[in-house]
Structure formats: C-alpha cells, structure tokens
C-alpha cells in the first residue's frame, strides 16, 4: 500500500506530502486522525485543540485543488460505492 501511495502522490505532484519529518508533525497528525469525523457536508477534526469543520469545497481549496476540477461523484462515477470502498 505504501508503494501505491508513493506512486499516486508522485503522479499528482505531491512528492513531499507523504514523508514529513518536521518536529511536532507526529503529534499533530495523531490529534488530527484521532478526532477526524466525516459528516455529509465535509469533515470535522481538532487541530491545536480547536474544533474545525470544513466543507468539501473548503477542504479542496485548502489542499490547493483547482476549482476547475469539480466532480459530482454520483453522476461521474455512477457505480462507485463509497461506503464499500
């Protein structure tokens, strides 16, 4: 699985996204992952002990995805079962 992520991140130009070794990043990552929650309109999590809620659009903007790359999963991938994925 690590090999697949490395290949995928390399293909989308995120070669420095996967291996981050800066001091403190482990604790922040744990805080983020332990508090991450999915809701219908986006995600919620804690960072620096503050509650944060982001819509899918806000998350996309923060990650730097182009607004031209908007997909409607239901119509673009009609047979995709996200809960089974």
PDB file of N, CA and C in Angstrom:
ATOM      1  N   UNK A   1       0.822  -1.183   0.000  1.00  0.00           N
ATOM      2  CA  UNK A   1       0.000   0.000   0.000  1.00  0.00           C
ATOM      3  C   UNK A   1       0.877   1.261   0.000  1.00  0.00           C
ATOM      4  N   UNK A   2       1.979   1.270   0.744  1.00  0.00           N
ATOM      5  CA  UNK A   2       2.874   2.431   0.753  1.00  0.00           C
ATOM      6  C   UNK A   2       3.416   2.718  -0.638  1.00  0.00           C
ATOM      7  N   UNK A   3       3.702   1.661  -1.389  1.00  0.00           N
ATOM      8  CA  UNK A   3       4.211   1.827  -2.747  1.00  0.00           C
ATOM      9  C   UNK A   3       3.161   2.492  -3.623  1.00  0.00           C
ATOM     10  N   UNK A   4       1.906   2.090  -3.472  1.00  0.00           N
ATOM     11  CA  UNK A   4       0.832   2.687  -4.257  1.00  0.00           C
ATOM     12  C   UNK A   4       0.669   4.162  -3.916  1.00  0.00           C
ATOM     13  N   UNK A   5       0.711   4.508  -2.631  1.00  0.00           N
ATOM     14  CA  UNK A   5       0.589   5.910  -2.239  1.00  0.00           C
ATOM     15  C   UNK A   5       1.746   6.721  -2.798  1.00  0.00           C
ATOM     16  N   UNK A   6       2.969   6.206  -2.722  1.00  0.00           N
ATOM     17  CA  UNK A   6       4.119   6.919  -3.273  1.00  0.00           C
ATOM     18  C   UNK A   6       3.930   7.191  -4.761  1.00  0.00           C
ATOM     19  N   UNK A   7       3.457   6.187  -5.492  1.00  0.00           N
ATOM     20  CA  UNK A   7       3.238   6.345  -6.928  1.00  0.00           C
ATOM     21  C   UNK A   7       2.129   7.362  -7.216  1.00  0.00           C
ATOM     22  N   UNK A   8       1.037   7.264  -6.483  1.00  0.00           N
ATOM     23  CA  UNK A   8      -0.091   8.181  -6.684  1.00  0.00           C
ATOM     24  C   UNK A   8       0.329   9.610  -6.369  1.00  0.00           C
ATOM     25  N   UNK A   9       1.005   9.812  -5.228  1.00  0.00           N
ATOM     26  CA  UNK A   9       1.422  11.165  -4.852  1.00  0.00           C
ATOM     27  C   UNK A   9       2.438  11.717  -5.844  1.00  0.00           C
ATOM     28  N   UNK A  10       3.292  10.871  -6.387  1.00  0.00           N
ATOM     29  CA  UNK A  10       4.257  11.322  -7.388  1.00  0.00           C
ATOM     30  C   UNK A  10       3.531  11.756  -8.660  1.00  0.00           C
ATOM     31  N   UNK A  11       2.499  11.009  -9.048  1.00  0.00           N
ATOM     32  CA  UNK A  11       1.766  11.310 -10.278  1.00  0.00           C
ATOM     33  C   UNK A  11       0.995  12.630 -10.179  1.00  0.00           C
ATOM     34  N   UNK A  12       0.504  12.971  -8.977  1.00  0.00           N
ATOM     35  CA  UNK A  12      -0.253  14.222  -8.830  1.00  0.00           C
ATOM     36  C   UNK A  12       0.620  15.373  -8.349  1.00  0.00           C
ATOM     37  N   UNK A  13       1.938  15.140  -8.219  1.00  0.00           N
ATOM     38  CA  UNK A  13       2.856  16.207  -7.854  1.00  0.00           C
ATOM     39  C   UNK A  13       2.980  16.458  -6.371  1.00  0.00           C
ATOM     40  N   UNK A  14       2.642  15.466  -5.546  1.00  0.00           N
ATOM     41  CA  UNK A  14       2.710  15.619  -4.096  1.00  0.00           C
ATOM     42  C   UNK A  14       3.855  14.793  -3.517  1.00  0.00           C
ATOM     43  N   UNK A  15       5.024  14.847  -4.110  1.00  0.00           N
ATOM     44  CA  UNK A  15       6.128  14.001  -3.652  1.00  0.00           C
ATOM     45  C   UNK A  15       6.566  14.325  -2.235  1.00  0.00           C
ATOM     46  N   UNK A  16       6.378  15.556  -1.783  1.00  0.00           N
ATOM     47  CA  UNK A  16       6.776  15.918  -0.417  1.00  0.00           C
ATOM     48  C   UNK A  16       5.634  15.833   0.580  1.00  0.00           C
ATOM     49  N   UNK A  17       4.471  15.409   0.136  1.00  0.00           N
ATOM     50  CA  UNK A  17       3.295  15.355   1.007  1.00  0.00           C
ATOM     51  C   UNK A  17       3.344  14.167   1.961  1.00  0.00           C
ATOM     52  N   UNK A  18       3.854  13.059   1.513  1.00  0.00           N
ATOM     53  CA  UNK A  18       3.758  11.803   2.260  1.00  0.00           C
ATOM     54  C   UNK A  18       4.763  11.710   3.398  1.00  0.00           C
ATOM     55  N   UNK A  19       6.031  11.988   3.174  1.00  0.00           N
ATOM     56  CA  UNK A  19       7.065  11.830   4.194  1.00  0.00           C
ATOM     57  C   UNK A  19       7.420  13.174   4.809  1.00  0.00           C
ATOM     58  N   UNK A  20       6.770  13.498   5.917  1.00  0.00           N
ATOM     59  CA  UNK A  20       7.038  14.750   6.624  1.00  0.00           C
ATOM     60  C   UNK A  20       7.703  14.386   7.949  1.00  0.00           C
ATOM     61  N   UNK A  21       8.897  14.927   8.186  1.00  0.00           N
ATOM     62  CA  UNK A  21       9.650  14.558   9.390  1.00  0.00           C
ATOM     63  C   UNK A  21       9.923  15.767  10.278  1.00  0.00           C
ATOM     64  N   UNK A  22       9.127  16.816  10.146  1.00  0.00           N
ATOM     65  CA  UNK A  22       9.335  18.003  10.957  1.00  0.00           C
ATOM     66  C   UNK A  22       8.921  17.736  12.395  1.00  0.00           C
ATOM     67  N   UNK A  23       9.644  18.350  13.329  1.00  0.00           N
ATOM     68  CA  UNK A  23       9.365  18.189  14.743  1.00  0.00           C
ATOM     69  C   UNK A  23       7.923  18.607  15.048  1.00  0.00           C
ATOM     70  N   UNK A  24       7.211  17.771  15.735  1.00  0.00           N
ATOM     71  CA  UNK A  24       5.840  18.070  16.108  1.00  0.00           C
ATOM     72  C   UNK A  24       4.806  17.540  15.141  1.00  0.00           C
ATOM     73  N   UNK A  25       5.197  17.173  13.953  1.00  0.00           N
ATOM     74  CA  UNK A  25       4.208  16.728  12.982  1.00  0.00           C
ATOM     75  C   UNK A  25       3.542  15.420  13.408  1.00  0.00           C
ATOM     76  N   UNK A  26       4.246  14.571  14.135  1.00  0.00           N
ATOM     77  CA  UNK A  26       3.649  13.307  14.584  1.00  0.00           C
ATOM     78  C   UNK A  26       2.505  13.552  15.551  1.00  0.00           C
ATOM     79  N   UNK A  27       2.704  14.453  16.503  1.00  0.00           N
ATOM     80  CA  UNK A  27       1.642  14.735  17.471  1.00  0.00           C
ATOM     81  C   UNK A  27       0.445  15.410  16.815  1.00  0.00           C
ATOM     82  N   UNK A  28       0.702  16.324  15.894  1.00  0.00           N
ATOM     83  CA  UNK A  28      -0.403  16.975  15.196  1.00  0.00           C
ATOM     84  C   UNK A  28      -1.155  15.984  14.318  1.00  0.00           C
ATOM     85  N   UNK A  29      -0.426  15.084  13.691  1.00  0.00           N
ATOM     86  CA  UNK A  29      -1.060  14.061  12.860  1.00  0.00           C
ATOM     87  C   UNK A  29      -1.942  13.163  13.706  1.00  0.00           C
ATOM     88  N   UNK A  30      -1.447  12.754  14.870  1.00  0.00           N
ATOM     89  CA  UNK A  30      -2.247  11.916  15.768  1.00  0.00           C
ATOM     90  C   UNK A  30      -3.495  12.648  16.241  1.00  0.00           C
ATOM     91  N   UNK A  31      -3.346  13.921  16.613  1.00  0.00           N
ATOM     92  CA  UNK A  31      -4.506  14.703  17.047  1.00  0.00           C
ATOM     93  C   UNK A  31      -5.532  14.788  15.919  1.00  0.00           C
ATOM     94  N   UNK A  32      -5.058  15.060  14.714  1.00  0.00           N
ATOM     95  CA  UNK A  32      -5.955  15.158  13.554  1.00  0.00           C
ATOM     96  C   UNK A  32      -6.674  13.836  13.311  1.00  0.00           C
ATOM     97  N   UNK A  33      -5.919  12.749  13.225  1.00  0.00           N
ATOM     98  CA  UNK A  33      -6.514  11.452  12.890  1.00  0.00           C
ATOM     99  C   UNK A  33      -7.436  10.929  13.988  1.00  0.00           C
ATOM    100  N   UNK A  34      -7.087  11.178  15.244  1.00  0.00           N
ATOM    101  CA  UNK A  34      -7.922  10.690  16.351  1.00  0.00           C
ATOM    102  C   UNK A  34      -9.245  11.443  16.460  1.00  0.00           C
ATOM    103  N   UNK A  35      -9.291  12.655  15.941  1.00  0.00           N
ATOM    104  CA  UNK A  35     -10.509  13.450  16.057  1.00  0.00           C
ATOM    105  C   UNK A  35     -11.253  13.590  14.735  1.00  0.00           C
ATOM    106  N   UNK A  36     -10.736  13.034  13.659  1.00  0.00           N
ATOM    107  CA  UNK A  36     -11.336  13.170  12.332  1.00  0.00           C
ATOM    108  C   UNK A  36     -12.702  12.503  12.290  1.00  0.00           C
ATOM    109  N   UNK A  37     -13.695  13.262  11.838  1.00  0.00           N
ATOM    110  CA  UNK A  37     -15.051  12.749  11.693  1.00  0.00           C
ATOM    111  C   UNK A  37     -15.607  13.179  10.345  1.00  0.00           C
ATOM    112  N   UNK A  38     -16.316  12.286   9.717  1.00  0.00           N
ATOM    113  CA  UNK A  38     -16.977  12.548   8.439  1.00  0.00           C
ATOM    114  C   UNK A  38     -18.410  12.959   8.727  1.00  0.00           C
ATOM    115  N   UNK A  39     -18.880  13.966   8.045  1.00  0.00           N
ATOM    116  CA  UNK A  39     -20.304  14.272   8.041  1.00  0.00           C
ATOM    117  C   UNK A  39     -20.712  14.525   6.591  1.00  0.00           C
ATOM    118  N   UNK A  40     -21.981  14.556   6.327  1.00  0.00           N
ATOM    119  CA  UNK A  40     -22.464  14.585   4.939  1.00  0.00           C
ATOM    120  C   UNK A  40     -21.892  15.747   4.126  1.00  0.00           C
ATOM    121  N   UNK A  41     -21.672  16.904   4.761  1.00  0.00           N
ATOM    122  CA  UNK A  41     -21.198  18.061   4.021  1.00  0.00           C
ATOM    123  C   UNK A  41     -19.701  18.271   4.036  1.00  0.00           C
ATOM    124  N   UNK A  42     -18.941  17.432   4.760  1.00  0.00           N
ATOM    125  CA  UNK A  42     -17.492  17.621   4.831  1.00  0.00           C
ATOM    126  C   UNK A  42     -16.859  16.815   5.954  1.00  0.00           C
ATOM    127  N   UNK A  43     -15.862  17.425   6.624  1.00  0.00           N
ATOM    128  CA  UNK A  43     -15.171  16.752   7.721  1.00  0.00           C
ATOM    129  C   UNK A  43     -15.047  17.699   8.911  1.00  0.00           C
ATOM    130  N   UNK A  44     -14.862  17.114  10.083  1.00  0.00           N
ATOM    131  CA  UNK A  44     -14.612  17.855  11.312  1.00  0.00           C
ATOM    132  C   UNK A  44     -13.418  17.199  11.997  1.00  0.00           C
ATOM    133  N   UNK A  45     -12.582  18.007  12.646  1.00  0.00           N
ATOM    134  CA  UNK A  45     -11.409  17.493  13.348  1.00  0.00           C
ATOM    135  C   UNK A  45     -10.922  18.547  14.325  1.00  0.00           C
ATOM    136  N   UNK A  46      -9.922  18.182  15.121  1.00  0.00           N
ATOM    137  CA  UNK A  46      -9.277  19.128  16.025  1.00  0.00           C
ATOM    138  C   UNK A  46      -7.839  19.347  15.594  1.00  0.00           C
ATOM    139  N   UNK A  47      -7.395  20.586  15.702  1.00  0.00           N
ATOM    140  CA  UNK A  47      -6.011  20.933  15.433  1.00  0.00           C
ATOM    141  C   UNK A  47      -5.628  21.998  16.450  1.00  0.00           C
ATOM    142  N   UNK A  48      -4.560  21.754  17.186  1.00  0.00           N
ATOM    143  CA  UNK A  48      -4.140  22.637  18.275  1.00  0.00           C
ATOM    144  C   UNK A  48      -5.269  22.824  19.280  1.00  0.00           C
ATOM    145  N   UNK A  49      -6.010  21.743  19.535  1.00  0.00           N
ATOM    146  CA  UNK A  49      -7.124  21.700  20.490  1.00  0.00           C
ATOM    147  C   UNK A  49      -8.276  22.621  20.121  1.00  0.00           C
ATOM    148  N   UNK A  50      -8.385  22.984  18.847  1.00  0.00           N
ATOM    149  CA  UNK A  50      -9.501  23.783  18.361  1.00  0.00           C
ATOM    150  C   UNK A  50     -10.340  22.930  17.412  1.00  0.00           C
ATOM    151  N   UNK A  51     -11.655  23.010  17.570  1.00  0.00           N
ATOM    152  CA  UNK A  51     -12.556  22.278  16.686  1.00  0.00           C
ATOM    153  C   UNK A  51     -12.627  22.985  15.335  1.00  0.00           C
ATOM    154  N   UNK A  52     -12.475  22.217  14.269  1.00  0.00           N
ATOM    155  CA  UNK A  52     -12.508  22.762  12.915  1.00  0.00           C
ATOM    156  C   UNK A  52     -13.479  21.938  12.081  1.00  0.00           C
ATOM    157  N   UNK A  53     -14.340  22.619  11.351  1.00  0.00           N
ATOM    158  CA  UNK A  53     -15.260  21.961  10.420  1.00  0.00           C
ATOM    159  C   UNK A  53     -15.017  22.559   9.041  1.00  0.00           C
ATOM    160  N   UNK A  54     -14.814  21.705   8.062  1.00  0.00           N
ATOM    161  CA  UNK A  54     -14.588  22.148   6.693  1.00  0.00           C
ATOM    162  C   UNK A  54     -15.579  21.460   5.766  1.00  0.00           C
ATOM    163  N   UNK A  55     -16.161  22.235   4.883  1.00  0.00           N
ATOM    164  CA  UNK A  55     -16.986  21.630   3.833  1.00  0.00           C
ATOM    165  C   UNK A  55     -16.031  20.991   2.828  1.00  0.00           C
ATOM    166  N   UNK A  56     -16.563  20.178   1.953  1.00  0.00           N
ATOM    167  CA  UNK A  56     -15.712  19.546   0.934  1.00  0.00           C
ATOM    168  C   UNK A  56     -15.064  20.610   0.048  1.00  0.00           C
ATOM    169  N   UNK A  57     -15.788  21.687  -0.262  1.00  0.00           N
ATOM    170  CA  UNK A  57     -15.238  22.770  -1.087  1.00  0.00           C
ATOM    171  C   UNK A  57     -14.083  23.465  -0.360  1.00  0.00           C
ATOM    172  N   UNK A  58     -14.255  23.766   0.938  1.00  0.00           N
ATOM    173  CA  UNK A  58     -13.196  24.412   1.718  1.00  0.00           C
ATOM    174  C   UNK A  58     -11.966  23.516   1.816  1.00  0.00           C
ATOM    175  N   UNK A  59     -12.180  22.226   2.041  1.00  0.00           N
ATOM    176  CA  UNK A  59     -11.065  21.291   2.115  1.00  0.00           C
ATOM    177  C   UNK A  59     -10.317  21.242   0.787  1.00  0.00           C
ATOM    178  N   UNK A  60     -11.040  21.195  -0.294  1.00  0.00           N
ATOM    179  CA  UNK A  60     -10.433  21.185  -1.619  1.00  0.00           C
ATOM    180  C   UNK A  60      -9.600  22.443  -1.854  1.00  0.00           C
ATOM    181  N   UNK A  61     -10.149  23.592  -1.456  1.00  0.00           N
ATOM    182  CA  UNK A  61      -9.416  24.851  -1.603  1.00  0.00           C
ATOM    183  C   UNK A  61      -8.141  24.863  -0.762  1.00  0.00           C
ATOM    184  N   UNK A  62      -8.232  24.395   0.489  1.00  0.00           N
ATOM    185  CA  UNK A  62      -7.058  24.366   1.370  1.00  0.00           C
ATOM    186  C   UNK A  62      -5.976  23.421   0.854  1.00  0.00           C
ATOM    187  N   UNK A  63      -6.379  22.343   0.198  1.00  0.00           N
ATOM    188  CA  UNK A  63      -5.410  21.392  -0.350  1.00  0.00           C
ATOM    189  C   UNK A  63      -4.847  21.856  -1.691  1.00  0.00           C
ATOM    190  N   UNK A  64      -5.386  22.936  -2.229  1.00  0.00           N
ATOM    191  CA  UNK A  64      -4.852  23.510  -3.456  1.00  0.00           C
ATOM    192  C   UNK A  64      -5.379  22.897  -4.736  1.00  0.00           C
ATOM    193  N   UNK A  65      -6.504  22.196  -4.657  1.00  0.00           N
ATOM    194  CA  UNK A  65      -7.081  21.643  -5.877  1.00  0.00           C
ATOM    195  C   UNK A  65      -7.709  22.756  -6.697  1.00  0.00           C
ATOM    196  N   UNK A  66      -7.606  22.650  -7.982  1.00  0.00           N
ATOM    197  CA  UNK A  66      -8.161  23.649  -8.882  1.00  0.00           C
ATOM    198  C   UNK A  66      -9.684  23.602  -8.837  1.00  0.00           C
ATOM    199  N   UNK A  67     -10.301  24.775  -8.858  1.00  0.00           N
ATOM    200  CA  UNK A  67     -11.764  24.823  -8.851  1.00  0.00           C
ATOM    201  C   UNK A  67     -12.343  24.285 -10.158  1.00  0.00           C
ATOM    202  N   UNK A  68     -11.517  24.162 -11.192  1.00  0.00           N
ATOM    203  CA  UNK A  68     -11.974  23.594 -12.465  1.00  0.00           C
ATOM    204  C   UNK A  68     -12.123  22.077 -12.381  1.00  0.00           C
ATOM    205  N   UNK A  69     -11.595  21.468 -11.331  1.00  0.00           N
ATOM    206  CA  UNK A  69     -11.625  20.004 -11.193  1.00  0.00           C
ATOM    207  C   UNK A  69     -12.778  19.571 -10.295  1.00  0.00           C
ATOM    208  N   UNK A  70     -13.914  20.178 -10.468  1.00  0.00           N
ATOM    209  CA  UNK A  70     -15.073  19.836  -9.648  1.00  0.00           C
ATOM    210  C   UNK A  70     -15.733  18.588 -10.232  1.00  0.00           C
ATOM    211  N   UNK A  71     -15.949  17.596  -9.379  1.00  0.00           N
ATOM    212  CA  UNK A  71     -16.599  16.362  -9.794  1.00  0.00           C
ATOM    213  C   UNK A  71     -17.876  16.159  -8.998  1.00  0.00           C
ATOM    214  N   UNK A  72     -18.861  15.617  -9.634  1.00  0.00           N
ATOM    215  CA  UNK A  72     -20.039  15.152  -8.942  1.00  0.00           C
ATOM    216  C   UNK A  72     -19.931  13.636  -8.933  1.00  0.00           C
ATOM    217  N   UNK A  73     -19.528  13.080  -7.808  1.00  0.00           N
ATOM    218  CA  UNK A  73     -19.250  11.640  -7.718  1.00  0.00           C
ATOM    219  C   UNK A  73     -20.447  10.806  -8.155  1.00  0.00           C
ATOM    220  N   UNK A  74     -21.646  11.218  -7.759  1.00  0.00           N
ATOM    221  CA  UNK A  74     -22.834  10.423  -8.091  1.00  0.00           C
ATOM    222  C   UNK A  74     -23.059  10.318  -9.602  1.00  0.00           C
ATOM    223  N   UNK A  75     -22.834  11.403 -10.333  1.00  0.00           N
ATOM    224  CA  UNK A  75     -23.066  11.338 -11.779  1.00  0.00           C
ATOM    225  C   UNK A  75     -21.823  10.897 -12.548  1.00  0.00           C
ATOM    226  N   UNK A  76     -20.623  11.276 -12.063  1.00  0.00           N
ATOM    227  CA  UNK A  76     -19.395  10.922 -12.777  1.00  0.00           C
ATOM    228  C   UNK A  76     -18.977   9.473 -12.566  1.00  0.00           C
ATOM    229  N   UNK A  77     -19.288   8.914 -11.405  1.00  0.00           N
ATOM    230  CA  UNK A  77     -18.978   7.508 -11.104  1.00  0.00           C
ATOM    231  C   UNK A  77     -20.245   6.826 -10.594  1.00  0.00           C
ATOM    232  N   UNK A  78     -21.170   6.508 -11.481  1.00  0.00           N
ATOM    233  CA  UNK A  78     -22.479   6.006 -11.046  1.00  0.00           C
ATOM    234  C   UNK A  78     -22.423   4.676 -10.294  1.00  0.00           C
ATOM    235  N   UNK A  79     -21.421   3.855 -10.526  1.00  0.00           N
ATOM    236  CA  UNK A  79     -21.344   2.547  -9.867  1.00  0.00           C
ATOM    237  C   UNK A  79     -20.416   2.543  -8.658  1.00  0.00           C
ATOM    238  N   UNK A  80     -19.918   3.714  -8.256  1.00  0.00           N
ATOM    239  CA  UNK A  80     -18.995   3.811  -7.125  1.00  0.00           C
ATOM    240  C   UNK A  80     -19.774   3.701  -5.815  1.00  0.00           C
ATOM    241  N   UNK A  81     -19.373   2.769  -4.987  1.00  0.00           N
ATOM    242  CA  UNK A  81     -19.993   2.576  -3.663  1.00  0.00           C
ATOM    243  C   UNK A  81     -18.988   3.043  -2.620  1.00  0.00           C
ATOM    244  N   UNK A  82     -19.112   4.328  -2.199  1.00  0.00           N
ATOM    245  CA  UNK A  82     -18.103   4.905  -1.297  1.00  0.00           C
ATOM    246  C   UNK A  82     -18.059   4.209   0.056  1.00  0.00           C
ATOM    247  N   UNK A  83     -19.170   3.685   0.523  1.00  0.00           N
ATOM    248  CA  UNK A  83     -19.173   3.014   1.832  1.00  0.00           C
ATOM    249  C   UNK A  83     -18.507   1.639   1.755  1.00  0.00           C
ATOM    250  N   UNK A  84     -18.561   1.005   0.596  1.00  0.00           N
ATOM    251  CA  UNK A  84     -17.875  -0.271   0.423  1.00  0.00           C
ATOM    252  C   UNK A  84     -16.404  -0.072   0.109  1.00  0.00           C
ATOM    253  N   UNK A  85     -16.047   1.093  -0.459  1.00  0.00           N
ATOM    254  CA  UNK A  85     -14.659   1.401  -0.801  1.00  0.00           C
ATOM    255  C   UNK A  85     -13.831   1.482   0.454  1.00  0.00           C
TER     256      UNK A  85
END
